[in-house]
C-alpha cells in the first residue's frame, strides 16, 4: 500500500464518529429495542459520558455483519498502525 492510500484510510477513520463502537444485538446483549451500534463511552448505566455518541441502526444486516461494522471502528486504526510498523521494518531490512 502506498502512503497516500494509508493516509486516505486514516482520514476516513478520523472523520467517522468517535469510538468505541459496540454492537448490541437484541436477544444477545439486551432484551428489546432492536439491534444497534452504540458509539462513544458509557460510564455507568445511570450516567452517560460526555463522549457518548449517537446510536446507529441498520436494516437488513445480519448479526455478524452488524458486529463487523461495529468492530471496524477499532480494528481499522489498529491495522493501520501495524501496516506502518511493518513497512518500517521492511525499510530497515532493505537498508541493511
N, C-alpha and C. Protein backbone atom coordinates (compact mmCIF):
# COMPACT_ATOMS: atom_id res chain seq x y z
N UNK A 1 0.84 -1.18 0.00
CA UNK A 1 0.00 0.00 0.00
C UNK A 1 0.88 1.24 0.00
N UNK A 2 0.39 2.24 -0.66
CA UNK A 2 1.14 3.49 -0.69
C UNK A 2 0.82 4.31 0.56
N UNK A 3 1.70 5.28 0.83
CA UNK A 3 1.46 6.19 1.95
C UNK A 3 0.15 6.95 1.74
N UNK A 4 -0.13 7.30 0.49
CA UNK A 4 -1.37 8.03 0.18
C UNK A 4 -2.60 7.18 0.48
N UNK A 5 -2.57 5.91 0.13
CA UNK A 5 -3.71 5.02 0.42
C UNK A 5 -3.93 4.89 1.93
N UNK A 6 -2.84 4.72 2.66
CA UNK A 6 -2.94 4.64 4.12
C UNK A 6 -3.48 5.94 4.71
N UNK A 7 -3.02 7.06 4.18
CA UNK A 7 -3.49 8.36 4.65
C UNK A 7 -4.99 8.53 4.39
N UNK A 8 -5.47 8.09 3.25
CA UNK A 8 -6.89 8.20 2.93
C UNK A 8 -7.74 7.35 3.86
N UNK A 9 -7.26 6.15 4.16
CA UNK A 9 -7.97 5.29 5.12
C UNK A 9 -7.98 5.94 6.50
N UNK A 10 -6.83 6.45 6.90
CA UNK A 10 -6.73 7.12 8.20
C UNK A 10 -7.66 8.33 8.27
N UNK A 11 -7.71 9.10 7.20
CA UNK A 11 -8.59 10.28 7.17
C UNK A 11 -10.06 9.88 7.33
N UNK A 12 -10.46 8.79 6.68
CA UNK A 12 -11.85 8.32 6.82
C UNK A 12 -12.12 7.89 8.27
N UNK A 13 -11.16 7.22 8.87
CA UNK A 13 -11.31 6.82 10.28
C UNK A 13 -11.43 8.03 11.18
N UNK A 14 -10.59 9.01 10.98
CA UNK A 14 -10.60 10.20 11.82
C UNK A 14 -11.88 11.03 11.63
N UNK A 15 -12.48 10.96 10.45
CA UNK A 15 -13.71 11.72 10.18
C UNK A 15 -14.95 11.01 10.72
N UNK A 16 -14.86 9.72 10.95
CA UNK A 16 -16.02 8.95 11.42
C UNK A 16 -16.32 9.28 12.88
N UNK A 17 -17.52 8.93 13.29
CA UNK A 17 -17.93 9.11 14.68
C UNK A 17 -16.91 8.43 15.59
N UNK A 18 -16.54 9.11 16.64
CA UNK A 18 -15.53 8.58 17.57
C UNK A 18 -15.99 7.27 18.20
N UNK A 19 -15.03 6.46 18.56
CA UNK A 19 -15.32 5.18 19.15
C UNK A 19 -15.23 5.21 20.65
N UNK A 20 -15.32 4.11 21.27
CA UNK A 20 -15.51 2.81 20.62
C UNK A 20 -16.94 2.66 20.10
N UNK A 21 -17.09 1.74 19.16
CA UNK A 21 -18.40 1.34 18.68
C UNK A 21 -18.65 -0.05 19.24
N UNK A 22 -19.81 -0.24 19.81
CA UNK A 22 -20.15 -1.52 20.43
C UNK A 22 -21.45 -2.03 19.84
N UNK A 23 -21.43 -3.25 19.36
CA UNK A 23 -22.60 -3.89 18.76
C UNK A 23 -23.52 -4.42 19.84
N UNK A 24 -24.78 -4.05 19.78
CA UNK A 24 -25.81 -4.58 20.67
C UNK A 24 -26.85 -5.29 19.82
N UNK A 25 -26.97 -6.60 20.04
CA UNK A 25 -27.90 -7.44 19.29
C UNK A 25 -29.04 -7.82 20.22
N UNK A 26 -30.27 -7.54 19.77
CA UNK A 26 -31.44 -7.90 20.56
C UNK A 26 -31.46 -9.40 20.78
N UNK A 27 -31.68 -9.81 22.02
CA UNK A 27 -31.69 -11.22 22.37
C UNK A 27 -30.33 -11.75 22.78
N UNK A 28 -29.26 -11.07 22.39
CA UNK A 28 -27.92 -11.45 22.79
C UNK A 28 -27.37 -10.52 23.86
N UNK A 29 -27.49 -9.22 23.62
CA UNK A 29 -26.93 -8.22 24.54
C UNK A 29 -27.98 -7.47 25.34
N UNK A 30 -29.19 -7.51 24.89
CA UNK A 30 -30.29 -6.84 25.59
C UNK A 30 -31.60 -7.49 25.15
N UNK A 31 -32.68 -7.18 25.87
CA UNK A 31 -33.94 -7.91 25.67
C UNK A 31 -34.86 -7.32 24.61
N UNK A 32 -34.83 -6.02 24.39
CA UNK A 32 -35.74 -5.44 23.41
C UNK A 32 -35.19 -4.15 22.86
N UNK A 33 -35.78 -3.68 21.79
CA UNK A 33 -35.38 -2.41 21.21
C UNK A 33 -34.65 -2.52 19.89
N UNK A 34 -34.40 -3.71 19.41
CA UNK A 34 -33.72 -3.87 18.14
C UNK A 34 -32.21 -3.86 18.26
N UNK A 35 -31.57 -4.11 17.15
CA UNK A 35 -30.11 -4.11 17.08
C UNK A 35 -29.62 -2.69 16.85
N UNK A 36 -28.51 -2.33 17.49
CA UNK A 36 -27.93 -1.01 17.27
C UNK A 36 -26.45 -1.06 17.60
N UNK A 37 -25.74 -0.03 17.14
CA UNK A 37 -24.35 0.15 17.50
C UNK A 37 -24.26 1.39 18.36
N UNK A 38 -23.77 1.22 19.58
CA UNK A 38 -23.58 2.34 20.49
C UNK A 38 -22.21 2.95 20.20
N UNK A 39 -22.16 4.26 20.12
CA UNK A 39 -20.89 4.93 19.88
C UNK A 39 -20.50 5.74 21.11
N UNK A 40 -19.22 5.86 21.31
CA UNK A 40 -18.71 6.59 22.45
C UNK A 40 -18.64 5.70 23.67
N UNK A 41 -18.50 6.34 24.82
CA UNK A 41 -18.27 5.60 26.06
C UNK A 41 -19.42 5.84 27.02
N UNK A 42 -19.93 4.76 27.57
CA UNK A 42 -20.95 4.84 28.60
C UNK A 42 -20.24 4.60 29.93
N UNK A 43 -20.27 5.60 30.83
CA UNK A 43 -19.56 5.48 32.11
C UNK A 43 -20.24 4.48 33.04
N UNK A 44 -21.53 4.65 33.24
CA UNK A 44 -22.32 3.77 34.10
C UNK A 44 -23.70 3.65 33.49
N UNK A 45 -24.47 2.70 33.97
CA UNK A 45 -25.82 2.52 33.46
C UNK A 45 -26.69 3.76 33.63
N UNK A 46 -26.47 4.51 34.71
CA UNK A 46 -27.34 5.64 35.00
C UNK A 46 -26.74 7.00 34.61
N UNK A 47 -25.49 7.03 34.17
CA UNK A 47 -24.85 8.29 33.81
C UNK A 47 -24.17 8.12 32.45
N UNK A 48 -24.51 8.97 31.52
CA UNK A 48 -23.89 8.91 30.18
C UNK A 48 -22.73 9.88 30.12
N UNK A 49 -21.63 9.41 29.62
CA UNK A 49 -20.43 10.22 29.48
C UNK A 49 -20.64 11.31 28.43
N UNK A 50 -19.85 12.37 28.54
CA UNK A 50 -19.90 13.42 27.51
C UNK A 50 -19.37 12.90 26.18
N UNK A 51 -18.67 11.78 26.19
CA UNK A 51 -18.15 11.21 24.95
C UNK A 51 -19.14 10.22 24.33
N UNK A 52 -20.30 10.04 24.94
CA UNK A 52 -21.32 9.14 24.40
C UNK A 52 -21.85 9.75 23.12
N UNK A 53 -21.87 8.96 22.06
CA UNK A 53 -22.34 9.44 20.77
C UNK A 53 -23.74 8.94 20.45
N UNK A 54 -24.07 9.02 19.18
CA UNK A 54 -25.38 8.58 18.71
C UNK A 54 -25.38 7.06 18.56
N UNK A 55 -26.56 6.50 18.53
CA UNK A 55 -26.71 5.07 18.23
C UNK A 55 -26.99 4.92 16.74
N UNK A 56 -26.37 3.90 16.15
CA UNK A 56 -26.60 3.60 14.73
C UNK A 56 -27.55 2.42 14.63
N UNK A 57 -28.53 2.55 13.77
CA UNK A 57 -29.47 1.46 13.49
C UNK A 57 -29.38 1.13 12.01
N UNK A 58 -29.33 -0.15 11.71
CA UNK A 58 -29.24 -0.62 10.33
C UNK A 58 -30.41 -1.55 10.04
N UNK A 59 -30.82 -1.58 8.81
CA UNK A 59 -31.82 -2.56 8.40
C UNK A 59 -31.17 -3.53 7.42
N UNK A 60 -31.59 -4.76 7.49
CA UNK A 60 -31.11 -5.76 6.54
C UNK A 60 -29.75 -6.35 6.83
N UNK A 61 -29.15 -6.03 7.96
CA UNK A 61 -27.84 -6.60 8.27
C UNK A 61 -28.00 -7.85 9.12
N UNK A 62 -27.13 -8.81 8.86
CA UNK A 62 -27.09 -9.99 9.72
C UNK A 62 -26.36 -9.61 11.00
N UNK A 63 -26.48 -10.44 12.01
CA UNK A 63 -25.78 -10.17 13.27
C UNK A 63 -24.27 -10.11 13.06
N UNK A 64 -23.73 -11.00 12.22
CA UNK A 64 -22.28 -10.99 12.00
C UNK A 64 -21.85 -9.75 11.23
N UNK A 65 -22.68 -9.28 10.29
CA UNK A 65 -22.35 -8.03 9.59
C UNK A 65 -22.41 -6.85 10.56
N UNK A 66 -23.39 -6.86 11.42
CA UNK A 66 -23.55 -5.81 12.43
C UNK A 66 -22.32 -5.76 13.34
N UNK A 67 -21.85 -6.92 13.80
CA UNK A 67 -20.65 -6.99 14.63
C UNK A 67 -19.43 -6.50 13.86
N UNK A 68 -19.32 -6.88 12.59
CA UNK A 68 -18.19 -6.47 11.76
C UNK A 68 -18.13 -4.95 11.64
N UNK A 69 -19.27 -4.33 11.38
CA UNK A 69 -19.32 -2.87 11.24
C UNK A 69 -18.86 -2.20 12.53
N UNK A 70 -19.37 -2.69 13.65
CA UNK A 70 -19.00 -2.10 14.94
C UNK A 70 -17.52 -2.28 15.22
N UNK A 71 -16.99 -3.46 15.00
CA UNK A 71 -15.58 -3.72 15.30
C UNK A 71 -14.63 -3.00 14.36
N UNK A 72 -15.09 -2.68 13.15
CA UNK A 72 -14.23 -2.00 12.19
C UNK A 72 -13.72 -0.67 12.74
N UNK A 73 -14.52 0.00 13.59
CA UNK A 73 -14.11 1.29 14.14
C UNK A 73 -12.85 1.16 14.98
N UNK A 74 -12.69 0.05 15.64
CA UNK A 74 -11.49 -0.18 16.44
C UNK A 74 -10.42 -0.93 15.63
N UNK A 75 -10.85 -1.84 14.76
CA UNK A 75 -9.92 -2.70 14.04
C UNK A 75 -9.11 -1.95 12.98
N UNK A 76 -9.74 -1.06 12.23
CA UNK A 76 -9.04 -0.38 11.13
C UNK A 76 -7.89 0.48 11.65
N UNK A 77 -8.07 1.31 12.67
CA UNK A 77 -6.92 2.07 13.18
C UNK A 77 -5.79 1.17 13.68
N UNK A 78 -6.14 0.06 14.31
CA UNK A 78 -5.13 -0.89 14.79
C UNK A 78 -4.36 -1.48 13.62
N UNK A 79 -5.07 -1.84 12.57
CA UNK A 79 -4.41 -2.39 11.38
C UNK A 79 -3.51 -1.35 10.70
N UNK A 80 -3.94 -0.11 10.67
CA UNK A 80 -3.11 0.94 10.08
C UNK A 80 -1.78 1.07 10.82
N UNK A 81 -1.82 1.04 12.12
CA UNK A 81 -0.59 1.11 12.92
C UNK A 81 0.32 -0.07 12.59
N UNK A 82 -0.26 -1.25 12.48
CA UNK A 82 0.55 -2.44 12.20
C UNK A 82 1.13 -2.41 10.79
N UNK A 83 0.37 -1.97 9.81
CA UNK A 83 0.89 -1.86 8.44
C UNK A 83 2.07 -0.90 8.41
N UNK A 84 1.91 0.23 9.05
CA UNK A 84 3.01 1.21 9.06
C UNK A 84 4.24 0.66 9.79
N UNK A 85 4.03 -0.06 10.86
CA UNK A 85 5.15 -0.66 11.59
C UNK A 85 5.88 -1.67 10.70
N UNK A 86 5.12 -2.50 10.02
CA UNK A 86 5.73 -3.49 9.14
C UNK A 86 6.45 -2.83 7.96
N UNK A 87 5.90 -1.76 7.44
CA UNK A 87 6.58 -1.04 6.36
C UNK A 87 7.92 -0.49 6.84
N UNK A 88 7.97 0.00 8.07
CA UNK A 88 9.24 0.50 8.62
C UNK A 88 10.25 -0.63 8.77
N UNK A 89 9.77 -1.78 9.21
CA UNK A 89 10.66 -2.94 9.34
C UNK A 89 11.21 -3.37 7.98
N UNK A 90 10.39 -3.35 6.97
CA UNK A 90 10.82 -3.69 5.61
C UNK A 90 11.90 -2.71 5.15
N UNK A 91 11.68 -1.42 5.40
CA UNK A 91 12.67 -0.42 5.02
C UNK A 91 14.00 -0.63 5.73
N UNK A 92 13.96 -0.98 7.00
CA UNK A 92 15.19 -1.27 7.75
C UNK A 92 15.95 -2.41 7.10
N UNK A 93 15.23 -3.46 6.74
CA UNK A 93 15.86 -4.63 6.11
C UNK A 93 16.47 -4.26 4.78
N UNK A 94 15.75 -3.48 3.99
CA UNK A 94 16.24 -3.04 2.67
C UNK A 94 17.51 -2.21 2.80
N UNK A 95 17.60 -1.42 3.86
CA UNK A 95 18.73 -0.51 4.03
C UNK A 95 19.95 -1.16 4.68
N UNK A 96 19.83 -2.39 5.06
CA UNK A 96 20.99 -3.09 5.67
C UNK A 96 21.81 -3.81 4.64
